[in-house]
Amino acid sequence: MSSPPVPLGLDPDAAPAVSRARAIPTDLAARLRAALPEEAVLTEEGDRGAYLIEERSLYRGEAPIVLRPGTTEEVATAVRICAEAGVAIVPQGGNTGLVGGTVSAAHEVLLSLGRMNRIEEVDPLNFTMTVQAGCILANIQAAAEAAGRLFPLSLGAQGSAQIGGNLASNAGGINVLRYGNARELTLGLEVVLADGRVWNGLRALHKDNTGYALKHLFIGSEGTLGIITRAVLKLFPPLTDRQVAFCALRDPADALALLSMARDRAGEAVTAFEIVSGFALEIVTRHAGGQDPMAERHPWYALIELAGSGESGALRPVLESVLERAFEAEVVADAAIADSLERAATLWRLREGIPEAQKRAGGSIKHDVSVPVSRIPAFLERAGTAVTAALPGVHVCAFGHLGDGNIHYNLSQPEGMEKAVFLARWEEMNGIVHDIVADLGGSISAEHGIGLLKARELLRYKDPVELDLMRRVRATLDPRHLLNPGKMFGLV
C-alpha cells in the first residue's frame, strides 16, 4: 500500500515532533510547592520512579517533577503554573497503557491523577455514577454492584487502570459488543484545559441537545486536548444470568457463522464473543496454568457469553439451542458449556491468560487492529500468509473480540531465533499487518490508542483531511502543545 499524501509538510517517516514547550525553569518546583500541598509535588528520584516505568518497557519516562493533585482545583493550578512557564504536562492515570501514551521527557512535568480517586455519587434511579478520574475501574464496578447496578466496562488491567485513562483512550474490553466503548458509557465530563481553565460538562443527562457534544473531543484524545478530572458514567441493570461456552472450530469463518447464529437467536443477550487461535490456547495451557476443555486440539476456538437480567438459568436453553444448530450445520466441532459460575470463570481465564502466557513464551510483536466483522476471516488468512512468508516459523497468536471486529494479532518469535533479532523486525511486521488492515477498511488501533508507539503510523494511514481537522482542533484547544506533546500524531 502506498503512503497517502500528508498535509502541511508533515513527513510520515519522521519521528513525532516535539512541542513548543521550554526546558523546566529551576524555580518551577518551588512555585508548584508554594501553590500545592506538600505531598502533591515529587522531585526525589525514589519517589518518582514508579511513574516513569512503561508497561511494556519500550520507553522510560524522565520527568524530573511528578505532580499528584487531589482536587480539580489543584489540577487547574498546576496546569496554569506550568502553562505560564511554558512547560509541558503529561497526564497519567493507572499507567497501564500499551502504546507509550503517558511517557514523559526530561523537559516535561508528569501529572498523576491517582489521588483523585473518590466515587462522589451513585444514582441508581438515574442509572448514573459520578466519579473522579483517578478511580480504579474495579472499584467503580464494585460500587455499581453494591447499588444494584452494572458498570460494564471490563478489561484485563481493571484492578489498576483508572477511569480517567480509560476515557482518555476510549477503552474497549470484552463487553463492547453489547455496551459499546468507554465513549458510549459516558454522559458528562469535567476537564481542565491547557490554560488552566475548567470546563464543567459534568451533566447527568441522558439527553442534551444544546450544541456541540464537547465530551467526545476529550474522550479518546489521550490527554492532548485537556485533562479529564471527573466523569458521569452510565449504569445498567445487573446481570443475573450468565451462560458461557467454549467452542472448538475449524476456522475463523466458522466463528463468524457461530456469532451470526448466536445473535439471530439471542439478540442483545450476546454480551461477549471472543476468538482464540490454537497457538494462543497452547501457550496458555503451557505457561499460564490453563487446561484445555476439549479432548483434542483444534485450529480455532470461540468463547461465547450470553447474559441477561432475568431468572438465573433462563438463557441456558437459548445457548444450547444455538450450539445445537451450530453442530447440525457443522460449524462447531466440540463445545464445553459452563455448569457453574466457577466453571465459567475457568473458561474465561483461558482467554484472559493469553497476554501473560505470551510474555513467558518469548518475544512478541503486537498489533491491536480492527476490521469490519465480516472481513475478519479474510484478514486472518491474508495476514497469516504474509507474515509467514516474510518470517518463516513465526507463530501467529491471534485472539480478541470478534464480536466487534477487534483482533489482537500478535506474533511470537520462531523457535531458535534470538529475541532481540525477532523484535528488530517490529516495524517490518507492523507494515505488513497494517497494510492489510488498511486495505480491508480497518483501523491500526482498535482500543489501545496511538501514544508514541503508533504516532508515525497514524500519519501514514489516516486520511489527510482528517489529520488536518485533528491538527486544527489541537491548535484551538492547546496552541502551544503543552498537553502530552508528541503523542497521538506528534504534530506541532
Protein backbone atom coordinates (compact mmCIF):
# COMPACT_ATOMS: atom_id res chain seq x y z
CA MET A 1 0.00 0.00 0.00
CA SER A 2 1.39 3.40 -0.93
CA SER A 3 1.52 6.13 1.68
CA PRO A 4 -1.21 8.79 1.37
CA PRO A 5 -0.07 12.38 0.92
CA VAL A 6 0.45 14.16 4.22
CA PRO A 7 -0.65 17.81 4.51
CA LEU A 8 1.18 20.77 5.96
CA GLY A 9 4.67 19.49 5.26
CA LEU A 10 4.46 16.56 7.69
CA ASP A 11 6.70 13.61 6.93
CA PRO A 12 5.14 10.22 7.83
CA ASP A 13 8.63 8.73 8.12
CA ALA A 14 9.85 11.38 10.55
CA ALA A 15 9.86 10.91 14.30
CA PRO A 16 6.99 12.61 16.14
CA ALA A 17 7.67 16.30 16.54
CA VAL A 18 8.30 17.85 19.93
CA SER A 19 6.12 20.54 21.45
CA ARG A 20 6.86 24.22 21.75
CA ALA A 21 7.47 23.73 25.47
CA ARG A 22 10.60 25.12 27.09
CA ALA A 23 13.05 23.45 29.43
CA ILE A 24 11.88 23.33 33.03
CA PRO A 25 12.86 26.52 34.92
CA THR A 26 14.96 25.93 38.01
CA ASP A 27 12.33 27.55 40.24
CA LEU A 28 9.32 25.64 38.87
CA ALA A 29 9.28 23.02 41.63
CA ALA A 30 9.37 25.74 44.27
CA ARG A 31 6.49 27.59 42.60
CA LEU A 32 4.44 24.40 42.46
CA ARG A 33 5.18 23.61 46.11
CA ALA A 34 4.07 27.07 47.13
CA ALA A 35 0.70 26.58 45.43
CA LEU A 36 0.01 22.89 46.08
CA PRO A 37 0.04 20.59 49.14
CA GLU A 38 3.46 19.24 50.03
CA GLU A 39 2.54 15.66 49.12
CA ALA A 40 1.45 16.76 45.65
CA VAL A 41 4.95 17.59 44.35
CA LEU A 42 7.54 14.82 43.99
CA THR A 43 11.09 15.56 42.86
CA GLU A 44 13.21 12.85 44.51
CA GLU A 45 14.19 10.01 42.16
CA GLY A 46 12.96 7.32 44.54
CA ASP A 47 9.52 8.96 44.78
CA ARG A 48 9.18 9.45 41.02
CA GLY A 49 10.36 6.01 39.88
CA ALA A 50 7.03 4.18 39.75
CA TYR A 51 5.54 6.87 37.49
CA LEU A 52 8.33 6.62 34.93
CA ILE A 53 8.03 2.90 34.16
CA GLU A 54 6.13 1.99 31.00
CA GLU A 55 4.02 -1.20 30.85
CA ARG A 56 5.91 -2.87 28.00
CA SER A 57 9.34 -1.45 28.89
CA LEU A 58 9.61 0.02 25.40
CA TYR A 59 10.17 3.51 26.82
CA ARG A 60 11.45 5.11 30.01
CA GLY A 61 9.92 8.26 31.46
CA GLU A 62 12.25 11.08 32.51
CA ALA A 63 10.08 13.77 34.11
CA PRO A 64 12.05 15.47 36.92
CA ILE A 65 8.81 16.59 38.60
CA VAL A 66 5.78 14.40 39.29
CA LEU A 67 2.57 16.09 40.47
CA ARG A 68 -0.14 14.30 42.46
CA PRO A 69 -3.05 16.75 42.82
CA GLY A 70 -6.00 15.77 44.98
CA THR A 71 -8.71 18.05 43.55
CA THR A 72 -9.76 19.61 40.27
CA GLU A 73 -8.69 22.99 41.62
CA GLU A 74 -5.19 21.64 42.28
CA VAL A 75 -5.00 20.21 38.75
CA ALA A 76 -6.04 23.57 37.34
CA THR A 77 -3.49 25.39 39.48
CA ALA A 78 -0.70 23.04 38.39
CA VAL A 79 -1.62 23.38 34.72
CA ARG A 80 -1.83 27.15 34.98
CA ILE A 81 1.61 27.44 36.62
CA CYS A 82 3.19 25.14 34.04
CA ALA A 83 1.48 26.99 31.18
CA GLU A 84 2.81 30.33 32.45
CA ALA A 85 6.30 28.80 32.49
CA GLY A 86 5.82 27.25 29.02
CA VAL A 87 6.39 23.74 30.42
CA ALA A 88 4.57 20.72 29.03
CA ILE A 89 2.48 18.37 31.19
CA VAL A 90 1.97 14.65 30.63
CA PRO A 91 -1.22 13.38 32.34
CA GLN A 92 -1.13 9.84 33.71
CA GLY A 93 -3.79 7.50 35.06
CA GLY A 94 -3.07 3.96 36.19
CA ASN A 95 -0.07 3.73 33.84
CA THR A 96 -1.39 0.51 32.28
CA GLY A 97 -1.42 1.72 28.67
CA LEU A 98 0.31 -0.25 25.93
CA VAL A 99 1.35 2.45 23.44
CA GLY A 100 3.54 4.78 25.50
CA GLY A 101 0.79 7.34 25.87
CA THR A 102 1.91 8.59 29.30
CA VAL A 103 5.69 8.52 28.84
CA SER A 104 7.36 11.79 29.87
CA ALA A 105 10.50 13.52 28.62
CA ALA A 106 13.15 15.29 30.72
CA HIS A 107 11.70 18.73 29.86
CA GLU A 108 8.16 17.75 30.89
CA VAL A 109 6.18 17.51 34.13
CA LEU A 110 4.16 14.37 34.78
CA LEU A 111 0.74 14.79 36.43
CA SER A 112 -0.76 11.69 38.06
CA LEU A 113 -4.49 11.60 38.82
CA GLY A 114 -4.14 8.74 41.33
CA ARG A 115 -5.08 10.79 44.41
CA MET A 116 -8.36 11.88 42.82
CA ASN A 117 -9.97 8.51 43.49
CA ARG A 118 -13.38 9.23 45.06
CA ILE A 119 -16.71 7.91 43.89
CA GLU A 120 -18.77 11.02 44.52
CA GLU A 121 -22.30 9.83 43.83
CA VAL A 122 -24.20 6.75 42.74
CA ASP A 123 -27.70 7.50 41.47
CA PRO A 124 -29.42 4.13 40.88
CA LEU A 125 -32.69 5.77 39.79
CA ASN A 126 -30.93 7.81 37.09
CA PHE A 127 -28.62 4.86 36.32
CA THR A 128 -25.55 7.09 36.68
CA MET A 129 -22.41 7.40 38.78
CA THR A 130 -20.18 10.46 39.26
CA VAL A 131 -16.50 9.67 39.82
CA GLN A 132 -13.11 11.33 39.95
CA ALA A 133 -10.63 10.49 37.21
CA GLY A 134 -8.29 8.52 39.46
CA CYS A 135 -10.89 5.93 40.48
CA ILE A 136 -9.76 2.37 39.82
CA LEU A 137 -12.05 0.67 37.29
CA ALA A 138 -12.59 -2.38 39.51
CA ASN A 139 -13.71 -0.13 42.38
CA ILE A 140 -16.24 1.55 40.10
CA GLN A 141 -17.59 -1.84 39.10
CA ALA A 142 -17.88 -2.84 42.77
CA ALA A 143 -19.65 0.38 43.73
CA ALA A 144 -22.16 -0.10 40.94
CA GLU A 145 -22.78 -3.69 42.04
CA ALA A 146 -23.31 -2.57 45.64
CA ALA A 147 -26.04 -0.23 44.38
CA GLY A 148 -27.72 -2.99 42.40
CA ARG A 149 -26.37 -1.72 39.10
CA LEU A 150 -23.76 -2.67 36.50
CA PHE A 151 -20.90 -0.66 35.02
CA PRO A 152 -19.95 -2.89 32.08
CA LEU A 153 -16.51 -1.62 31.06
CA SER A 154 -14.26 -4.64 31.71
CA LEU A 155 -10.64 -5.25 30.72
CA GLY A 156 -7.58 -7.11 31.86
CA ALA A 157 -5.99 -4.21 33.77
CA GLN A 158 -9.18 -3.21 35.61
CA GLY A 159 -7.56 -3.80 39.01
CA SER A 160 -5.14 -0.91 38.43
CA ALA A 161 -6.44 1.05 35.41
CA GLN A 162 -8.05 4.38 36.27
CA ILE A 163 -11.25 5.63 34.70
CA GLY A 164 -9.65 8.89 33.52
CA GLY A 165 -7.16 6.92 31.46
CA ASN A 166 -9.92 4.60 30.24
CA LEU A 167 -11.84 7.61 28.96
CA ALA A 168 -8.78 9.37 27.53
CA SER A 169 -8.02 6.26 25.48
CA ASN A 170 -11.66 5.33 24.79
CA ALA A 171 -11.07 1.88 26.26
CA GLY A 172 -12.90 -1.14 24.89
CA GLY A 173 -12.65 -4.54 26.57
CA ILE A 174 -14.79 -7.63 26.45
CA ASN A 175 -18.29 -6.13 26.58
CA VAL A 176 -18.15 -3.69 23.67
CA LEU A 177 -20.40 -5.94 21.57
CA ARG A 178 -23.33 -5.19 23.86
CA TYR A 179 -22.49 -1.94 25.68
CA GLY A 180 -20.04 -0.09 23.46
CA ASN A 181 -16.67 1.54 24.17
CA ALA A 182 -15.96 3.97 27.03
CA ARG A 183 -17.33 6.75 24.83
CA GLU A 184 -20.79 5.16 24.84
CA LEU A 185 -20.66 4.73 28.63
CA THR A 186 -20.10 8.42 29.42
CA LEU A 187 -22.73 11.14 29.90
CA GLY A 188 -20.65 14.05 31.16
CA LEU A 189 -17.10 15.23 31.84
CA GLU A 190 -15.16 17.81 33.76
CA VAL A 191 -11.92 18.79 32.01
CA VAL A 192 -9.00 21.07 32.84
CA LEU A 193 -7.91 22.86 29.67
CA ALA A 194 -4.38 23.70 28.57
CA ASP A 195 -4.54 27.21 30.05
CA GLY A 196 -5.83 26.03 33.43
CA ARG A 197 -9.49 26.85 32.88
CA VAL A 198 -12.03 24.21 33.89
CA TRP A 199 -14.78 23.11 31.52
CA ASN A 200 -17.75 21.86 33.53
CA GLY A 201 -19.64 19.44 31.32
CA LEU A 202 -20.43 17.19 34.28
CA ARG A 203 -24.08 16.65 33.39
CA ALA A 204 -26.01 13.50 34.27
CA LEU A 205 -28.39 13.92 31.35
CA HIS A 206 -29.34 11.13 29.00
CA LYS A 207 -30.46 13.77 26.51
CA ASP A 208 -28.78 17.15 25.98
CA ASN A 209 -29.11 18.69 22.53
CA THR A 210 -27.81 22.20 23.25
CA GLY A 211 -24.82 22.40 20.94
CA TYR A 212 -21.61 20.56 20.16
CA ALA A 213 -21.06 17.39 22.19
CA LEU A 214 -17.71 18.57 23.51
CA LYS A 215 -17.19 15.49 25.69
CA HIS A 216 -16.46 13.48 22.55
CA LEU A 217 -13.44 15.66 21.79
CA PHE A 218 -11.77 14.67 25.04
CA ILE A 219 -12.74 11.00 25.13
CA GLY A 220 -10.09 9.21 23.09
CA SER A 221 -7.84 12.27 22.84
CA GLU A 222 -5.13 10.69 25.06
CA GLY A 223 -4.75 13.84 27.15
CA THR A 224 -3.69 16.01 24.20
CA LEU A 225 -6.71 18.35 24.37
CA GLY A 226 -7.42 18.52 28.10
CA ILE A 227 -7.08 16.61 31.37
CA ILE A 228 -10.23 14.71 32.40
CA THR A 229 -10.80 15.19 36.14
CA ARG A 230 -14.34 13.90 36.74
CA ALA A 231 -16.96 11.96 34.80
CA VAL A 232 -20.60 10.93 34.90
CA LEU A 233 -20.89 7.30 33.83
CA LYS A 234 -23.86 5.27 32.64
CA LEU A 235 -25.05 2.33 34.72
CA PHE A 236 -27.16 -0.63 33.65
CA PRO A 237 -29.36 -3.29 35.26
CA PRO A 238 -27.36 -6.07 36.90
CA LEU A 239 -26.83 -9.33 35.04
CA THR A 240 -28.40 -12.16 37.00
CA ASP A 241 -27.97 -14.90 34.42
CA ARG A 242 -24.68 -15.75 32.69
CA GLN A 243 -24.17 -18.66 30.34
CA VAL A 244 -20.72 -19.36 28.92
CA ALA A 245 -19.48 -21.86 26.35
CA PHE A 246 -16.05 -22.59 24.88
CA CYS A 247 -16.30 -23.94 21.34
CA ALA A 248 -13.84 -25.68 19.00
CA LEU A 249 -13.86 -24.55 15.37
CA ARG A 250 -12.17 -25.31 12.09
CA ASP A 251 -11.52 -21.74 11.03
CA PRO A 252 -12.49 -18.09 11.61
CA ALA A 253 -15.30 -18.36 9.05
CA ASP A 254 -16.98 -20.86 11.36
CA ALA A 255 -16.52 -18.46 14.27
CA LEU A 256 -18.26 -15.76 12.25
CA ALA A 257 -21.10 -18.14 11.40
CA LEU A 258 -21.48 -19.07 15.09
CA LEU A 259 -21.62 -15.39 16.05
CA SER A 260 -24.34 -14.79 13.50
CA MET A 261 -26.36 -17.76 14.80
CA ALA A 262 -25.98 -16.54 18.38
CA ARG A 263 -27.11 -13.02 17.58
CA ASP A 264 -30.02 -14.26 15.47
CA ARG A 265 -31.22 -16.46 18.34
CA ALA A 266 -30.24 -14.48 21.44
CA GLY A 267 -30.08 -10.86 20.25
CA GLU A 268 -28.61 -8.44 22.79
CA ALA A 269 -28.11 -11.27 25.26
CA VAL A 270 -24.84 -11.98 23.40
CA THR A 271 -22.64 -10.00 25.76
CA ALA A 272 -19.23 -11.20 24.55
CA PHE A 273 -17.83 -13.25 21.70
CA GLU A 274 -14.09 -13.92 21.71
CA ILE A 275 -11.93 -15.78 19.21
CA VAL A 276 -8.79 -17.70 20.23
CA SER A 277 -6.25 -19.28 17.89
CA GLY A 278 -4.92 -22.77 18.53
CA PHE A 279 -1.45 -21.41 19.28
CA ALA A 280 -2.87 -18.94 21.81
CA LEU A 281 -4.63 -21.74 23.70
CA GLU A 282 -1.49 -23.87 23.53
CA ILE A 283 0.68 -21.29 25.27
CA VAL A 284 -2.00 -20.63 27.91
CA THR A 285 -2.04 -24.32 28.83
CA ARG A 286 1.76 -24.42 28.77
CA HIS A 287 2.65 -21.17 30.55
CA ALA A 288 -0.41 -19.87 32.42
CA GLY A 289 -1.88 -22.93 34.11
CA GLY A 290 -4.86 -23.26 31.77
CA GLN A 291 -6.48 -26.60 30.98
CA ASP A 292 -7.83 -27.37 27.54
CA PRO A 293 -11.53 -28.20 27.96
CA MET A 294 -11.53 -30.25 24.75
CA ALA A 295 -10.42 -33.86 24.31
CA GLU A 296 -8.20 -32.89 21.38
CA ARG A 297 -6.61 -29.77 19.92
CA HIS A 298 -8.34 -27.68 17.26
CA PRO A 299 -7.17 -24.86 14.97
CA TRP A 300 -9.52 -22.22 16.43
CA TYR A 301 -11.83 -21.62 19.38
CA ALA A 302 -14.58 -19.23 20.35
CA LEU A 303 -15.76 -18.17 23.78
CA ILE A 304 -19.36 -17.02 23.86
CA GLU A 305 -21.26 -15.46 26.75
CA LEU A 306 -24.99 -14.84 26.96
CA ALA A 307 -26.12 -12.66 29.85
CA GLY A 308 -29.36 -11.12 30.99
CA SER A 309 -31.30 -9.66 33.89
CA GLY A 310 -33.92 -12.39 34.07
CA GLU A 311 -34.20 -15.56 36.10
CA SER A 312 -30.95 -17.43 36.63
CA GLY A 313 -30.64 -20.25 34.12
CA ALA A 314 -33.19 -18.81 31.70
CA LEU A 315 -30.58 -18.38 28.97
CA ARG A 316 -29.21 -21.93 29.27
CA PRO A 317 -31.69 -23.43 26.77
CA VAL A 318 -31.06 -20.49 24.44
CA LEU A 319 -27.33 -21.20 24.43
CA GLU A 320 -27.96 -24.91 23.98
CA SER A 321 -30.21 -24.25 21.01
CA VAL A 322 -27.54 -22.05 19.41
CA LEU A 323 -24.95 -24.78 19.80
CA GLU A 324 -27.35 -27.47 18.60
CA ARG A 325 -27.93 -25.53 15.40
CA ALA A 326 -24.18 -24.96 15.04
CA PHE A 327 -23.45 -28.67 15.42
CA GLU A 328 -26.08 -29.52 12.83
CA ALA A 329 -24.53 -27.05 10.41
CA GLU A 330 -21.07 -28.49 11.16
CA VAL A 331 -19.90 -25.07 12.32
CA VAL A 332 -18.80 -26.29 15.78
CA ALA A 333 -16.64 -29.37 16.24
CA ASP A 334 -16.89 -29.57 20.03
CA ALA A 335 -18.12 -27.41 22.89
CA ALA A 336 -17.95 -27.13 26.67
CA ILE A 337 -20.77 -25.31 28.48
CA ALA A 338 -20.03 -23.96 31.95
CA ASP A 339 -22.31 -25.56 34.55
CA SER A 340 -21.43 -23.05 37.28
CA LEU A 341 -20.05 -19.54 37.74
CA GLU A 342 -16.75 -21.11 38.82
CA ARG A 343 -16.56 -23.11 35.61
CA ALA A 344 -17.46 -20.01 33.60
CA ALA A 345 -14.58 -18.15 35.26
CA THR A 346 -12.25 -21.03 34.36
CA LEU A 347 -13.24 -20.82 30.71
CA TRP A 348 -12.76 -17.05 30.71
CA ARG A 349 -9.28 -17.45 32.19
CA LEU A 350 -8.27 -19.35 29.05
CA ARG A 351 -8.91 -16.17 27.09
CA GLU A 352 -7.69 -13.69 29.71
CA GLY A 353 -4.44 -15.56 30.33
CA ILE A 354 -3.15 -15.19 26.78
CA PRO A 355 -1.19 -11.90 27.19
CA GLU A 356 0.69 -13.17 30.25
CA ALA A 357 1.32 -16.54 28.61
CA GLN A 358 2.75 -14.85 25.54
CA LYS A 359 5.23 -12.92 27.69
CA ARG A 360 6.52 -16.22 29.04
CA ALA A 361 6.65 -17.77 25.57
CA GLY A 362 9.32 -15.31 24.39
CA GLY A 363 9.42 -12.15 22.34
CA SER A 364 6.23 -10.87 20.79
CA ILE A 365 5.28 -8.25 18.22
CA LYS A 366 1.78 -6.94 18.89
CA HIS A 367 -1.00 -5.47 16.80
CA ASP A 368 -4.29 -4.10 18.13
CA VAL A 369 -6.37 -3.84 14.97
CA SER A 370 -9.96 -3.85 13.82
CA VAL A 371 -11.69 -4.59 10.55
CA PRO A 372 -15.38 -4.92 9.70
CA VAL A 373 -16.60 -8.08 11.42
CA SER A 374 -17.47 -9.75 8.13
CA ARG A 375 -13.85 -9.33 6.93
CA ILE A 376 -12.12 -10.94 9.89
CA PRO A 377 -11.64 -14.32 8.17
CA ALA A 378 -10.10 -12.57 5.14
CA PHE A 379 -7.81 -10.53 7.37
CA LEU A 380 -6.59 -13.54 9.34
CA GLU A 381 -5.94 -15.55 6.19
CA ARG A 382 -4.11 -12.76 4.37
CA ALA A 383 -2.09 -11.66 7.39
CA GLY A 384 -1.12 -15.22 8.26
CA THR A 385 0.13 -15.88 4.73
CA ALA A 386 2.03 -12.58 4.58
CA VAL A 387 3.83 -12.72 7.94
CA THR A 388 4.79 -16.37 7.45
CA ALA A 389 6.23 -15.61 4.02
CA ALA A 390 8.24 -12.73 5.47
CA LEU A 391 9.39 -14.64 8.55
CA PRO A 392 9.12 -18.44 8.25
CA GLY A 393 8.45 -20.15 11.55
CA VAL A 394 6.77 -17.16 13.19
CA HIS A 395 3.88 -18.13 15.48
CA VAL A 396 0.62 -16.28 14.99
CA CYS A 397 -1.01 -15.63 18.36
CA ALA A 398 -4.36 -14.16 17.29
CA PHE A 399 -7.18 -13.59 19.74
CA GLY A 400 -9.70 -10.98 20.73
CA HIS A 401 -13.12 -9.51 20.38
CA LEU A 402 -14.52 -10.99 17.19
CA GLY A 403 -17.95 -9.62 18.06
CA ASP A 404 -16.82 -6.04 17.49
CA GLY A 405 -14.10 -6.70 14.92
CA ASN A 406 -11.11 -6.12 17.23
CA ILE A 407 -8.32 -8.68 16.87
CA HIS A 408 -5.10 -8.68 18.89
CA TYR A 409 -2.90 -10.01 16.11
CA ASN A 410 0.27 -10.84 17.99
CA LEU A 411 3.32 -12.66 16.69
CA SER A 412 5.62 -14.86 18.79
CA GLN A 413 9.24 -15.47 17.89
CA PRO A 414 10.19 -18.52 15.82
CA GLU A 415 11.90 -21.41 17.57
CA GLY A 416 15.64 -20.88 17.82
CA MET A 417 15.58 -17.17 16.94
CA GLU A 418 17.08 -14.71 19.38
CA LYS A 419 14.53 -12.40 20.99
CA ALA A 420 16.44 -9.26 20.03
CA VAL A 421 16.69 -10.39 16.41
CA PHE A 422 12.97 -11.06 16.31
CA LEU A 423 12.00 -7.73 17.89
CA ALA A 424 14.19 -5.92 15.36
CA ARG A 425 11.56 -6.95 12.79
CA TRP A 426 8.83 -4.99 14.65
CA GLU A 427 8.38 -2.19 12.11
CA GLU A 428 8.54 -4.59 9.20
CA MET A 429 5.82 -6.82 10.66
CA ASN A 430 3.74 -3.77 11.58
CA GLY A 431 3.89 -2.59 7.99
CA ILE A 432 2.79 -5.96 6.63
CA VAL A 433 -0.14 -6.33 9.02
CA HIS A 434 -1.27 -2.72 8.96
CA ASP A 435 -1.23 -2.52 5.17
CA ILE A 436 -3.66 -5.45 5.05
CA VAL A 437 -5.82 -3.86 7.74
CA ALA A 438 -5.97 -0.60 5.80
CA ASP A 439 -6.80 -2.40 2.56
CA LEU A 440 -9.76 -4.06 4.30
CA GLY A 441 -11.08 -0.74 5.62
CA GLY A 442 -9.84 -1.29 9.17
CA SER A 443 -8.01 0.59 11.91
CA ILE A 444 -4.43 0.19 13.15
CA SER A 445 -5.60 0.86 16.72
CA ALA A 446 -8.87 -0.61 17.89
CA GLU A 447 -8.73 0.03 21.63
CA HIS A 448 -5.17 0.74 22.82
CA GLY A 449 -4.75 4.18 21.29
CA ILE A 450 -1.82 5.78 19.44
CA GLY A 451 0.53 7.22 22.07
CA LEU A 452 4.18 7.24 21.00
CA LEU A 453 4.16 3.73 19.56
CA LYS A 454 1.90 4.43 16.59
CA ALA A 455 2.33 8.18 16.11
CA ARG A 456 4.38 7.71 12.95
CA GLU A 457 1.98 5.16 11.51
CA LEU A 458 -1.06 7.36 12.13
CA LEU A 459 0.43 9.85 9.69
CA ARG A 460 0.76 7.08 7.13
CA TYR A 461 -2.72 5.59 7.37
CA LYS A 462 -5.01 8.43 8.43
CA ASP A 463 -6.91 10.39 5.80
CA PRO A 464 -5.07 13.69 5.12
CA VAL A 465 -8.20 15.78 5.58
CA GLU A 466 -8.94 14.03 8.86
CA LEU A 467 -5.40 14.68 10.05
CA ASP A 468 -5.75 18.33 9.14
CA LEU A 469 -9.01 18.61 11.10
CA MET A 470 -7.39 16.94 14.10
CA ARG A 471 -4.50 19.38 13.89
CA ARG A 472 -6.86 22.35 13.80
CA VAL A 473 -8.78 21.13 16.85
CA ARG A 474 -5.49 20.69 18.70
CA ALA A 475 -4.33 24.16 17.70
CA THR A 476 -7.54 25.67 19.05
CA LEU A 477 -7.53 23.95 22.44
CA ASP A 478 -3.77 23.73 23.02
CA PRO A 479 -1.97 26.06 20.59
CA ARG A 480 1.42 25.63 22.31
CA HIS A 481 1.13 21.84 22.53
CA LEU A 482 1.74 21.79 26.27
CA LEU A 483 -0.54 18.80 26.93
CA ASN A 484 1.03 15.39 26.29
CA PRO A 485 3.18 16.59 23.37
CA GLY A 486 4.38 14.11 20.78
CA LYS A 487 1.55 11.68 21.43
CA MET A 488 -1.20 10.70 19.00
CA PHE A 489 0.26 12.19 15.82
CA GLY A 490 3.18 14.29 17.02
CA LEU A 491 2.14 17.49 15.27
CA VAL A 492 3.32 20.96 16.22
